[in-house]
Amino acid sequence: MNLSDTAIYQDKPIAFIAVVHIRMRAKYYRVSRLVVLPDYQGIGVGKRLLNFVAELYASQTKLPFYILTSNPQIIRGKHGELENKQIWARKQGKRQHKNKQWNTN
């Protein structure tokens, strides 16, 4: 199974996703990179590519599929929730604990 995929529009690559297979106690797939060209951002290309790849991996492997992101459109879904319930989206960014603040980027 490929661990990267590209979205093509009019023979031009417009988006890319790379996935890492984590093999520890819990086995799962995690998105390591999701990139959409600026001219194609904000119209759902990244979300569609993410949903397509998550469905493909979930149906073929039966393992969980995660993405760690700071993009609010992916976390809450710009046009509703992510279509695939196999995707676990977690927020990345600044956290605050008691009086300490640290950056998880």
C-alpha atoms as a PDB file:
ATOM      1  CA  MET A   1       0.000   0.000   0.000  1.00  0.00           C
ATOM      2  CA  ASN A   2       1.325   3.461  -0.880  1.00  0.00           C
ATOM      3  CA  LEU A   3       2.036   5.727   2.043  1.00  0.00           C
ATOM      4  CA  SER A   4       1.555   8.866  -0.028  1.00  0.00           C
ATOM      5  CA  ASP A   5      -1.056  10.031  -2.505  1.00  0.00           C
ATOM      6  CA  THR A   6      -1.493  13.037  -4.766  1.00  0.00           C
ATOM      7  CA  ALA A   7      -4.656  14.799  -5.945  1.00  0.00           C
ATOM      8  CA  ILE A   8      -4.472  15.663  -9.644  1.00  0.00           C
ATOM      9  CA  TYR A   9      -6.587  18.299 -11.428  1.00  0.00           C
ATOM     10  CA  GLN A  10      -6.192  18.931 -15.149  1.00  0.00           C
ATOM     11  CA  ASP A  11      -2.933  16.910 -15.196  1.00  0.00           C
ATOM     12  CA  LYS A  12      -1.483  19.094 -12.410  1.00  0.00           C
ATOM     13  CA  PRO A  13      -0.760  17.905  -8.844  1.00  0.00           C
ATOM     14  CA  ILE A  14      -2.717  20.168  -6.495  1.00  0.00           C
ATOM     15  CA  ALA A  15      -2.539  18.315  -3.156  1.00  0.00           C
ATOM     16  CA  PHE A  16      -0.344  15.760  -1.421  1.00  0.00           C
ATOM     17  CA  ILE A  17      -0.810  13.531   1.615  1.00  0.00           C
ATOM     18  CA  ALA A  18       1.801  11.364   3.336  1.00  0.00           C
ATOM     19  CA  VAL A  19       0.877   8.719   5.904  1.00  0.00           C
ATOM     20  CA  VAL A  20       3.037   6.959   8.488  1.00  0.00           C
ATOM     21  CA  HIS A  21       2.306   3.453   9.743  1.00  0.00           C
ATOM     22  CA  ILE A  22       2.902   3.452  13.523  1.00  0.00           C
ATOM     23  CA  ARG A  23       3.809   0.035  14.890  1.00  0.00           C
ATOM     24  CA  MET A  24       3.976   0.237  18.663  1.00  0.00           C
ATOM     25  CA  ARG A  25       1.623  -1.322  21.221  1.00  0.00           C
ATOM     26  CA  ALA A  26      -1.246   0.260  19.326  1.00  0.00           C
ATOM     27  CA  LYS A  27      -1.000  -0.003  15.568  1.00  0.00           C
ATOM     28  CA  TYR A  28      -2.456   2.830  13.506  1.00  0.00           C
ATOM     29  CA  TYR A  29      -1.895   5.171  10.586  1.00  0.00           C
ATOM     30  CA  ARG A  30      -1.145   8.859  11.070  1.00  0.00           C
ATOM     31  CA  VAL A  31      -1.046  11.679   8.544  1.00  0.00           C
ATOM     32  CA  SER A  32       2.427  13.182   8.591  1.00  0.00           C
ATOM     33  CA  ARG A  33       1.840  15.787   5.871  1.00  0.00           C
ATOM     34  CA  LEU A  34      -1.205  17.206   4.083  1.00  0.00           C
ATOM     35  CA  VAL A  35      -0.439  19.990   1.619  1.00  0.00           C
ATOM     36  CA  VAL A  36      -2.757  21.818  -0.811  1.00  0.00           C
ATOM     37  CA  LEU A  37      -1.533  24.415  -3.305  1.00  0.00           C
ATOM     38  CA  PRO A  38      -2.660  27.955  -2.329  1.00  0.00           C
ATOM     39  CA  ASP A  39      -4.960  28.385  -5.360  1.00  0.00           C
ATOM     40  CA  TYR A  40      -6.911  25.285  -4.286  1.00  0.00           C
ATOM     41  CA  GLN A  41      -7.129  25.907  -0.531  1.00  0.00           C
ATOM     42  CA  GLY A  42     -10.459  26.533   1.175  1.00  0.00           C
ATOM     43  CA  ILE A  43     -12.591  24.661  -1.371  1.00  0.00           C
ATOM     44  CA  GLY A  44     -12.489  21.201   0.222  1.00  0.00           C
ATOM     45  CA  VAL A  45      -9.649  19.574  -1.740  1.00  0.00           C
ATOM     46  CA  GLY A  46      -7.662  18.674   1.394  1.00  0.00           C
ATOM     47  CA  LYS A  47     -10.729  17.356   3.200  1.00  0.00           C
ATOM     48  CA  ARG A  48     -11.720  15.224   0.218  1.00  0.00           C
ATOM     49  CA  LEU A  49      -8.206  13.814  -0.130  1.00  0.00           C
ATOM     50  CA  LEU A  50      -8.072  13.109   3.606  1.00  0.00           C
ATOM     51  CA  ASN A  51     -11.461  11.357   3.545  1.00  0.00           C
ATOM     52  CA  PHE A  52     -10.522   9.315   0.467  1.00  0.00           C
ATOM     53  CA  VAL A  53      -7.218   8.133   1.935  1.00  0.00           C
ATOM     54  CA  ALA A  54      -8.736   7.414   5.378  1.00  0.00           C
ATOM     55  CA  GLU A  55     -11.494   5.312   3.800  1.00  0.00           C
ATOM     56  CA  LEU A  56      -8.951   3.431   1.689  1.00  0.00           C
ATOM     57  CA  TYR A  57      -6.676   2.648   4.643  1.00  0.00           C
ATOM     58  CA  ALA A  58      -9.556   1.813   7.013  1.00  0.00           C
ATOM     59  CA  SER A  59     -11.180  -0.572   4.535  1.00  0.00           C
ATOM     60  CA  GLN A  60      -7.918  -2.336   3.672  1.00  0.00           C
ATOM     61  CA  THR A  61      -6.250  -2.487   7.089  1.00  0.00           C
ATOM     62  CA  LYS A  62      -9.010  -2.077   9.730  1.00  0.00           C
ATOM     63  CA  LEU A  63      -6.570   0.118  11.717  1.00  0.00           C
ATOM     64  CA  PRO A  64      -7.355   3.584  13.140  1.00  0.00           C
ATOM     65  CA  PHE A  65      -6.382   6.657  11.114  1.00  0.00           C
ATOM     66  CA  TYR A  66      -5.252   9.856  12.884  1.00  0.00           C
ATOM     67  CA  ILE A  67      -4.316  13.404  11.955  1.00  0.00           C
ATOM     68  CA  LEU A  68      -2.707  15.922  14.309  1.00  0.00           C
ATOM     69  CA  THR A  69      -3.442  19.432  13.057  1.00  0.00           C
ATOM     70  CA  SER A  70      -3.814  23.072  13.974  1.00  0.00           C
ATOM     71  CA  ASN A  71      -6.176  23.687  11.050  1.00  0.00           C
ATOM     72  CA  PRO A  72      -9.619  24.474  12.527  1.00  0.00           C
ATOM     73  CA  GLN A  73     -11.354  23.494   9.263  1.00  0.00           C
ATOM     74  CA  ILE A  74     -10.134  19.918   9.682  1.00  0.00           C
ATOM     75  CA  ILE A  75     -10.852  19.728  13.412  1.00  0.00           C
ATOM     76  CA  ARG A  76     -14.440  20.972  13.292  1.00  0.00           C
ATOM     77  CA  GLY A  77     -15.069  20.620   9.566  1.00  0.00           C
ATOM     78  CA  LYS A  78     -15.671  23.691   7.420  1.00  0.00           C
ATOM     79  CA  HIS A  79     -18.788  22.230   5.826  1.00  0.00           C
ATOM     80  CA  GLY A  80     -19.837  19.932   8.653  1.00  0.00           C
ATOM     81  CA  GLU A  81     -17.877  17.047  10.074  1.00  0.00           C
ATOM     82  CA  LEU A  82     -15.391  14.885   8.256  1.00  0.00           C
ATOM     83  CA  GLU A  83     -17.244  12.307   6.219  1.00  0.00           C
ATOM     84  CA  ASN A  84     -15.244   9.340   7.452  1.00  0.00           C
ATOM     85  CA  LYS A  85     -15.750   8.359  11.082  1.00  0.00           C
ATOM     86  CA  GLN A  86     -12.450   6.435  10.945  1.00  0.00           C
ATOM     87  CA  ILE A  87     -10.499   9.716  11.111  1.00  0.00           C
ATOM     88  CA  TRP A  88      -9.476  10.913  14.549  1.00  0.00           C
ATOM     89  CA  ALA A  89      -8.509  14.602  14.391  1.00  0.00           C
ATOM     90  CA  ARG A  90      -6.638  16.126  17.322  1.00  0.00           C
ATOM     91  CA  LYS A  91      -5.669  19.728  17.836  1.00  0.00           C
ATOM     92  CA  GLN A  92      -2.015  20.722  17.826  1.00  0.00           C
ATOM     93  CA  GLY A  93      -0.761  24.055  19.108  1.00  0.00           C
ATOM     94  CA  LYS A  94      -0.339  25.937  22.342  1.00  0.00           C
ATOM     95  CA  ARG A  95      -1.415  24.263  25.553  1.00  0.00           C
ATOM     96  CA  GLN A  96      -1.689  25.701  28.999  1.00  0.00           C
ATOM     97  CA  HIS A  97      -1.171  23.761  32.202  1.00  0.00           C
ATOM     98  CA  LYS A  98      -1.591  25.530  35.545  1.00  0.00           C
ATOM     99  CA  ASN A  99       0.773  28.511  35.272  1.00  0.00           C
ATOM    100  CA  LYS A 100       2.976  27.046  32.565  1.00  0.00           C
ATOM    101  CA  GLN A 101       2.519  27.362  28.834  1.00  0.00           C
ATOM    102  CA  TRP A 102       4.287  25.308  26.208  1.00  0.00           C
ATOM    103  CA  ASN A 103       4.139  24.926  22.462  1.00  0.00           C
ATOM    104  CA  THR A 104       3.571  21.462  20.995  1.00  0.00           C
ATOM    105  CA  ASN A 105       4.411  22.411  17.404  1.00  0.00           C
END
